[in-house]
Amino acid sequence: MVQLQDILAAIGVVFNGIPMMIFAMGYGFMAVPTAIGFAIGAGGMLIAGTVTPISIQAGTIALVGTMGRDIKERLSIALFAGLFMAVVGMLGLIHIVRDFAGLRIVAAMQAGVGIILARVAIDMIKSNKFVGLISMVSALAVWLLTRDLVYTIVVSVVASSLAYFVKNRKPIDVMSEKYKFSLYKPMISYNVVRGALALACLTIGSNIAFGNITAGMPGAAAFLAGEPANINALTVYSGLANLSALFGGAPVEAIISATGAAPNPVFSGVLMMVLLGIIMVTGLLPKIARFVPMQSISGFLFVIGAFATIPGNAYAAFSGAAVGAERLGVGLTILVTALTDPFIGLASGTLFMRIAPLFGL
């Protein structure tokens, strides 16, 4: 039976998804076709009976947005990475990929992505110091007091947006999204291939980590009754959801979702995706974006990177690692990921761990 907590949990995650989509719109992704991704996610979650929904993920948008030089490259990166991951999920290969690289290297790669997120946040603050600094200060204050990302997102976005409006006394000049159904022809280039591989590596780590974290929440754990999270099914429908990129939609990936704590986690997760899909397809997002400057998300983006991503993954990577090759491999992966991208970082760390014994390390 549906309970009030199911609905409240879904609404809470919707509040997280709205500013993330505004972030994605800043890189040229469109809200209306993104609804396709949420529809695929809702259908996949219902069919597979999984407990982990998909939504706009800060790390994914930051990675694709910075690696793609224009919207055509960004859409192509999202599409090819999604198709690749759907095949990986269908063949049940995600754990094989994880085991080949090793849990430490995968965690180190994700810690490197946290550095990328923090760097993107700082660059955003530089573009509008007034809004960015208010967002940063309020996000840090709320995070330190509550350790709750939903509160951090809501307070920092609202505070910095209000500050902008009080100062400027007018909405932001944002072009309304008059979407016309059209097909974006994917392109192939070195940058697209590299970006797709980088996004695939990030997705592997995210699906395993976020899928298991959400599955461990009270409602999800009770629903699964001791069964492991179905990461392969999650990988399939999250990958297929990126078919929305063919029409201009933003990539949607697995998230750590509060719906996993709801009494009916499947219903709550599906409801969350349906609500976000409605908000996208009805054209409400561009209207909301007129009152939310892009820099207002810089505070929680920094918190996600510096506090929610780096420490836990760095600890998992270094904890128990032997002095020598293991620690060097972890450190190399974090550094190379932060300086380049998740694929090169993961490949560098994995290769180093394979050849280190040959040199007596």
Protein backbone atom coordinates (compact mmCIF):
# COMPACT_ATOMS: atom_id res chain seq x y z
CA MET A 1 0.00 0.00 0.00
CA VAL A 2 1.31 3.44 -0.96
CA GLN A 3 2.25 5.59 2.02
CA LEU A 4 2.88 9.30 2.50
CA GLN A 5 6.63 8.63 2.95
CA ASP A 6 6.76 7.19 -0.58
CA ILE A 7 5.42 10.44 -2.04
CA LEU A 8 7.55 12.72 0.15
CA ALA A 9 10.73 10.82 -0.71
CA ALA A 10 9.94 11.11 -4.42
CA ILE A 11 9.29 14.86 -4.15
CA GLY A 12 12.53 15.34 -2.21
CA VAL A 13 14.56 13.75 -5.01
CA VAL A 14 12.66 15.82 -7.60
CA PHE A 15 13.97 18.96 -5.84
CA ASN A 16 17.44 17.54 -6.40
CA GLY A 17 16.80 16.85 -10.09
CA ILE A 18 15.51 20.33 -11.00
CA PRO A 19 18.76 22.28 -10.38
CA MET A 20 20.74 19.43 -11.95
CA MET A 21 18.73 19.82 -15.16
CA ILE A 22 19.30 23.57 -15.08
CA PHE A 23 23.01 22.73 -14.84
CA ALA A 24 22.64 20.46 -17.88
CA MET A 25 20.80 23.17 -19.82
CA GLY A 26 23.83 25.38 -19.33
CA TYR A 27 25.77 22.95 -21.54
CA GLY A 28 23.09 22.93 -24.23
CA PHE A 29 21.03 19.87 -23.28
CA MET A 30 17.27 20.27 -23.62
CA ALA A 31 14.63 19.51 -21.03
CA VAL A 32 11.75 18.23 -23.18
CA PRO A 33 13.57 15.25 -24.79
CA THR A 34 15.17 14.37 -21.45
CA ALA A 35 11.69 13.19 -20.47
CA ILE A 36 12.31 10.22 -22.80
CA GLY A 37 15.16 9.12 -20.55
CA PHE A 38 12.97 9.33 -17.46
CA ALA A 39 10.23 7.33 -19.22
CA ILE A 40 12.72 4.59 -20.10
CA GLY A 41 14.07 4.63 -16.54
CA ALA A 42 10.60 4.36 -15.01
CA GLY A 43 9.66 1.50 -17.34
CA GLY A 44 12.94 -0.33 -16.75
CA MET A 45 12.67 0.01 -12.99
CA LEU A 46 9.12 -1.37 -13.02
CA ILE A 47 9.94 -4.29 -15.32
CA ALA A 48 13.13 -5.28 -13.50
CA GLY A 49 11.75 -4.60 -10.02
CA THR A 50 14.92 -2.75 -9.05
CA VAL A 51 15.18 -0.15 -6.28
CA THR A 52 17.59 2.36 -7.85
CA PRO A 53 16.13 5.12 -10.03
CA ILE A 54 18.01 7.31 -12.48
CA SER A 55 18.22 11.07 -12.73
CA ILE A 56 20.50 13.92 -13.73
CA GLN A 57 23.87 13.36 -12.06
CA ALA A 58 26.29 16.21 -11.41
CA GLY A 59 29.40 14.18 -12.24
CA THR A 60 27.99 13.02 -15.55
CA ILE A 61 26.96 16.50 -16.67
CA ALA A 62 30.26 18.04 -15.60
CA LEU A 63 32.23 15.34 -17.42
CA VAL A 64 30.24 15.37 -20.66
CA GLY A 65 29.87 19.14 -20.60
CA THR A 66 33.59 19.79 -20.27
CA MET A 67 34.83 17.00 -22.56
CA GLY A 68 32.39 17.78 -25.38
CA ARG A 69 33.43 20.90 -27.25
CA ASP A 70 29.90 21.58 -28.51
CA ILE A 71 26.42 20.17 -28.12
CA LYS A 72 26.84 17.70 -31.00
CA GLU A 73 29.87 16.14 -29.32
CA ARG A 74 28.14 16.09 -25.93
CA LEU A 75 25.07 14.34 -27.31
CA SER A 76 27.24 11.83 -29.18
CA ILE A 77 29.28 11.08 -26.04
CA ALA A 78 26.12 10.46 -24.01
CA LEU A 79 24.56 8.28 -26.73
CA PHE A 80 27.55 6.03 -27.40
CA ALA A 81 28.38 5.63 -23.71
CA GLY A 82 24.74 4.71 -23.02
CA LEU A 83 24.62 2.11 -25.80
CA PHE A 84 27.92 0.62 -24.64
CA MET A 85 26.73 0.36 -21.04
CA ALA A 86 23.39 -1.16 -22.11
CA VAL A 87 25.31 -3.96 -23.87
CA VAL A 88 27.58 -4.41 -20.83
CA GLY A 89 24.49 -4.75 -18.64
CA MET A 90 22.72 -7.16 -20.99
CA LEU A 91 25.77 -9.42 -21.08
CA GLY A 92 26.23 -9.20 -17.30
CA LEU A 93 29.77 -7.89 -17.67
CA ILE A 94 29.79 -4.95 -15.26
CA HIS A 95 31.25 -6.90 -12.35
CA ILE A 96 33.87 -8.45 -14.64
CA VAL A 97 34.99 -4.97 -15.66
CA ARG A 98 35.05 -3.89 -12.02
CA ASP A 99 37.02 -6.95 -10.91
CA PHE A 100 39.56 -6.53 -13.73
CA ALA A 101 40.36 -2.97 -12.69
CA GLY A 102 40.02 -3.70 -8.97
CA LEU A 103 37.85 -2.03 -6.35
CA ARG A 104 40.66 0.27 -5.21
CA ILE A 105 41.29 1.64 -8.69
CA VAL A 106 37.56 2.14 -9.35
CA ALA A 107 37.22 4.03 -6.05
CA ALA A 108 40.31 6.09 -6.86
CA MET A 109 38.83 6.98 -10.24
CA GLN A 110 35.67 8.24 -8.55
CA ALA A 111 37.73 10.30 -6.10
CA GLY A 112 39.39 11.90 -9.11
CA VAL A 113 35.96 12.73 -10.51
CA GLY A 114 35.22 14.47 -7.21
CA ILE A 115 38.18 16.75 -7.88
CA ILE A 116 36.81 17.48 -11.36
CA LEU A 117 33.45 18.45 -9.83
CA ALA A 118 35.09 20.77 -7.30
CA ARG A 119 37.13 22.39 -10.07
CA VAL A 120 34.03 22.96 -12.23
CA ALA A 121 32.28 24.54 -9.23
CA ILE A 122 35.17 26.95 -8.63
CA ASP A 123 35.21 27.93 -12.32
CA MET A 124 31.48 28.67 -12.10
CA ILE A 125 32.02 30.90 -9.07
CA LYS A 126 34.64 32.88 -10.97
CA SER A 127 32.08 33.63 -13.71
CA ASN A 128 29.72 35.31 -11.20
CA LYS A 129 31.39 35.88 -7.83
CA PHE A 130 28.32 37.47 -6.17
CA VAL A 131 25.97 34.54 -6.80
CA GLY A 132 28.68 31.89 -6.61
CA LEU A 133 30.06 32.95 -3.24
CA ILE A 134 26.59 33.12 -1.65
CA SER A 135 25.87 29.65 -3.04
CA MET A 136 29.19 28.33 -1.73
CA VAL A 137 28.90 29.83 1.77
CA SER A 138 25.29 28.69 2.25
CA ALA A 139 26.01 25.21 0.89
CA LEU A 140 28.99 24.73 3.17
CA ALA A 141 27.05 26.00 6.19
CA VAL A 142 24.05 23.72 5.61
CA TRP A 143 26.23 20.71 4.80
CA LEU A 144 28.32 21.13 7.94
CA LEU A 145 25.17 21.47 10.06
CA THR A 146 23.04 18.72 8.52
CA ARG A 147 25.22 16.44 6.32
CA ASP A 148 22.11 16.27 4.10
CA LEU A 149 22.52 16.87 0.36
CA VAL A 150 18.85 17.64 -0.26
CA TYR A 151 18.84 20.45 2.33
CA THR A 152 22.20 21.64 1.01
CA ILE A 153 20.89 21.84 -2.55
CA VAL A 154 17.60 23.54 -1.69
CA VAL A 155 19.03 26.15 0.69
CA SER A 156 22.07 27.10 -1.42
CA VAL A 157 20.09 27.35 -4.67
CA VAL A 158 17.24 29.33 -3.10
CA ALA A 159 19.54 31.67 -1.14
CA SER A 160 21.79 32.52 -4.06
CA SER A 161 18.85 32.87 -6.49
CA LEU A 162 17.05 35.25 -4.12
CA ALA A 163 20.24 37.26 -3.71
CA TYR A 164 20.55 37.56 -7.48
CA PHE A 165 16.93 38.69 -7.85
CA VAL A 166 17.19 41.24 -5.01
CA LYS A 167 20.30 42.71 -6.61
CA ASN A 168 19.11 42.74 -10.23
CA ARG A 169 15.33 43.08 -9.79
CA LYS A 170 14.58 41.09 -12.94
CA PRO A 171 14.52 37.46 -14.11
CA ILE A 172 17.46 36.00 -15.99
CA ASP A 173 17.34 36.38 -19.74
CA VAL A 174 16.96 32.71 -20.63
CA MET A 175 15.74 31.68 -24.07
CA SER A 176 12.54 29.67 -23.73
CA GLU A 177 12.83 26.13 -24.99
CA LYS A 178 10.53 25.87 -27.99
CA TYR A 179 11.38 22.27 -28.70
CA LYS A 180 10.70 20.79 -32.11
CA PHE A 181 11.01 17.04 -32.48
CA SER A 182 14.22 16.51 -34.43
CA LEU A 183 16.88 13.86 -34.71
CA TYR A 184 20.49 14.76 -33.92
CA LYS A 185 22.83 12.72 -36.09
CA PRO A 186 25.59 11.31 -33.88
CA MET A 187 29.18 12.03 -34.85
CA ILE A 188 32.42 10.11 -34.45
CA SER A 189 35.71 11.76 -33.56
CA TYR A 190 38.66 11.15 -31.27
CA ASN A 191 37.12 13.47 -28.69
CA VAL A 192 33.75 11.70 -28.83
CA VAL A 193 35.31 8.24 -28.45
CA ARG A 194 37.47 9.40 -25.56
CA GLY A 195 34.50 11.10 -23.91
CA ALA A 196 32.26 8.04 -24.33
CA LEU A 197 34.90 5.76 -22.78
CA ALA A 198 35.37 8.23 -19.92
CA LEU A 199 31.62 8.38 -19.27
CA ALA A 200 31.36 4.58 -19.44
CA CYS A 201 34.08 4.22 -16.80
CA LEU A 202 32.35 6.75 -14.56
CA THR A 203 29.02 4.95 -15.07
CA ILE A 204 30.49 1.58 -14.08
CA GLY A 205 31.72 2.99 -10.78
CA SER A 206 28.52 4.96 -10.16
CA ASN A 207 26.16 2.09 -10.92
CA ILE A 208 27.98 -0.26 -8.56
CA ALA A 209 28.41 2.29 -5.76
CA PHE A 210 25.09 4.14 -6.00
CA GLY A 211 23.11 0.99 -6.77
CA ASN A 212 24.40 -0.78 -3.66
CA ILE A 213 24.05 2.30 -1.43
CA THR A 214 20.42 2.84 -2.42
CA ALA A 215 19.74 -0.91 -2.09
CA GLY A 216 21.06 -0.76 1.48
CA MET A 217 18.53 1.84 2.60
CA PRO A 218 15.72 0.58 4.90
CA GLY A 219 12.84 0.34 2.43
CA ALA A 220 14.99 -1.09 -0.36
CA ALA A 221 16.68 -3.61 1.95
CA ALA A 222 13.30 -4.84 3.17
CA PHE A 223 12.02 -5.10 -0.40
CA LEU A 224 15.08 -7.05 -1.56
CA ALA A 225 14.94 -9.32 1.51
CA GLY A 226 18.62 -10.20 1.43
CA GLU A 227 18.92 -10.39 -2.35
CA PRO A 228 21.73 -8.33 -3.94
CA ALA A 229 20.97 -5.24 -5.98
CA ASN A 230 20.44 -6.02 -9.68
CA ILE A 231 23.25 -3.83 -11.02
CA ASN A 232 23.10 -5.36 -14.50
CA ALA A 233 19.43 -4.41 -14.93
CA LEU A 234 20.18 -0.91 -13.64
CA THR A 235 23.01 -0.67 -16.17
CA VAL A 236 20.68 -1.69 -19.01
CA TYR A 237 17.91 0.83 -18.41
CA SER A 238 20.24 3.66 -17.42
CA GLY A 239 22.18 3.04 -20.63
CA LEU A 240 19.06 2.89 -22.82
CA ALA A 241 17.77 6.08 -21.17
CA ASN A 242 20.59 7.94 -22.88
CA LEU A 243 18.87 7.31 -26.22
CA SER A 244 17.21 10.64 -25.42
CA ALA A 245 20.48 12.19 -26.61
CA LEU A 246 19.32 11.40 -30.18
CA PHE A 247 16.75 14.15 -29.69
CA GLY A 248 18.81 16.58 -27.58
CA GLY A 249 18.18 15.11 -24.12
CA ALA A 250 20.60 15.11 -21.21
CA PRO A 251 22.21 11.88 -19.95
CA VAL A 252 20.50 10.33 -16.93
CA GLU A 253 22.36 7.93 -14.65
CA ALA A 254 22.00 6.02 -11.39
CA ILE A 255 21.86 8.20 -8.28
CA ILE A 256 21.93 7.75 -4.52
CA SER A 257 18.20 8.17 -4.02
CA ALA A 258 16.19 8.85 -0.88
CA THR A 259 13.43 6.77 -2.46
CA GLY A 260 15.40 3.74 -1.29
CA ALA A 261 14.42 4.63 2.27
CA ALA A 262 10.70 4.75 1.42
CA PRO A 263 8.37 1.88 2.44
CA ASN A 264 7.67 1.15 -1.24
CA PRO A 265 11.00 1.98 -2.93
CA VAL A 266 10.02 0.86 -6.43
CA PHE A 267 6.84 2.93 -6.49
CA SER A 268 8.61 5.92 -4.96
CA GLY A 269 11.48 5.76 -7.47
CA VAL A 270 9.13 5.41 -10.43
CA LEU A 271 6.98 8.30 -9.14
CA MET A 272 10.08 10.50 -8.86
CA MET A 273 11.04 9.83 -12.50
CA VAL A 274 7.46 10.35 -13.70
CA LEU A 275 7.26 13.71 -11.89
CA LEU A 276 10.57 14.88 -13.33
CA GLY A 277 9.50 13.71 -16.77
CA ILE A 278 6.29 15.75 -16.50
CA ILE A 279 8.25 18.83 -15.42
CA MET A 280 10.55 18.36 -18.43
CA VAL A 281 7.93 17.69 -21.10
CA THR A 282 5.57 20.49 -20.03
CA GLY A 283 8.29 23.09 -20.49
CA LEU A 284 8.37 24.19 -16.84
CA LEU A 285 12.16 23.91 -16.54
CA PRO A 286 13.08 26.92 -18.72
CA LYS A 287 10.55 29.00 -16.79
CA ILE A 288 12.10 27.95 -13.48
CA ALA A 289 15.58 28.58 -14.91
CA ARG A 290 14.69 32.27 -15.40
CA PHE A 291 14.87 32.64 -11.63
CA VAL A 292 17.84 30.33 -10.98
CA PRO A 293 21.24 31.57 -12.23
CA MET A 294 23.53 28.73 -13.24
CA GLN A 295 26.12 29.80 -10.65
CA SER A 296 23.58 29.14 -7.88
CA ILE A 297 24.37 25.43 -8.15
CA SER A 298 28.12 25.93 -7.69
CA GLY A 299 27.91 25.56 -3.90
CA PHE A 300 26.29 22.15 -3.78
CA LEU A 301 28.36 21.04 -6.78
CA PHE A 302 31.48 21.80 -4.71
CA VAL A 303 30.00 19.98 -1.70
CA ILE A 304 29.17 16.92 -3.82
CA GLY A 305 32.71 16.83 -5.16
CA ALA A 306 34.80 17.85 -2.17
CA PHE A 307 32.77 16.33 0.67
CA ALA A 308 30.43 13.66 -0.71
CA THR A 309 32.70 12.14 -3.37
CA ILE A 310 36.40 12.59 -2.62
CA PRO A 311 36.70 11.54 1.06
CA GLY A 312 34.69 8.32 0.94
CA ASN A 313 36.17 7.10 -2.32
CA ALA A 314 39.72 8.11 -1.38
CA TYR A 315 39.32 6.26 1.93
CA ALA A 316 38.01 3.16 0.15
CA ALA A 317 40.91 3.33 -2.28
CA PHE A 318 43.71 3.85 0.26
CA SER A 319 42.30 1.91 3.22
CA GLY A 320 44.35 -1.22 3.74
CA ALA A 321 46.43 -0.60 0.60
CA ALA A 322 49.95 -1.94 0.98
CA VAL A 323 52.83 0.52 0.94
CA GLY A 324 54.33 0.45 -2.53
CA ALA A 325 52.53 -0.50 -5.72
CA GLU A 326 48.97 -0.39 -4.33
CA ARG A 327 49.25 3.09 -2.87
CA LEU A 328 51.16 4.35 -5.89
CA GLY A 329 48.51 2.93 -8.20
CA VAL A 330 45.70 4.56 -6.22
CA GLY A 331 47.47 7.92 -6.13
CA LEU A 332 48.25 7.73 -9.84
CA THR A 333 44.61 6.97 -10.69
CA ILE A 334 43.30 9.91 -8.66
CA LEU A 335 45.84 12.32 -10.14
CA VAL A 336 45.45 11.23 -13.76
CA THR A 337 41.64 11.19 -13.53
CA ALA A 338 41.61 14.72 -12.11
CA LEU A 339 43.99 15.98 -14.81
CA THR A 340 42.44 14.12 -17.76
CA ASP A 341 39.30 11.98 -17.54
CA PRO A 342 37.97 8.80 -15.85
CA PHE A 343 38.90 6.47 -18.73
CA ILE A 344 42.55 7.53 -18.88
CA GLY A 345 42.69 7.56 -15.08
CA LEU A 346 41.22 4.06 -14.76
CA ALA A 347 43.37 2.71 -17.59
CA SER A 348 46.53 4.24 -16.11
CA GLY A 349 45.90 2.83 -12.66
CA THR A 350 44.97 -0.62 -13.98
CA LEU A 351 48.02 -0.78 -16.25
CA PHE A 352 50.31 0.37 -13.45
CA MET A 353 48.99 -2.33 -11.11
CA ARG A 354 49.65 -4.95 -13.79
CA ILE A 355 53.21 -3.93 -14.64
CA ALA A 356 54.39 -2.81 -11.18
CA PRO A 357 55.35 -6.37 -10.09
CA LEU A 358 57.62 -6.63 -13.13
CA PHE A 359 59.72 -3.84 -11.64
CA GLY A 360 59.70 -5.26 -8.13
CA LEU A 361 57.17 -2.78 -6.75
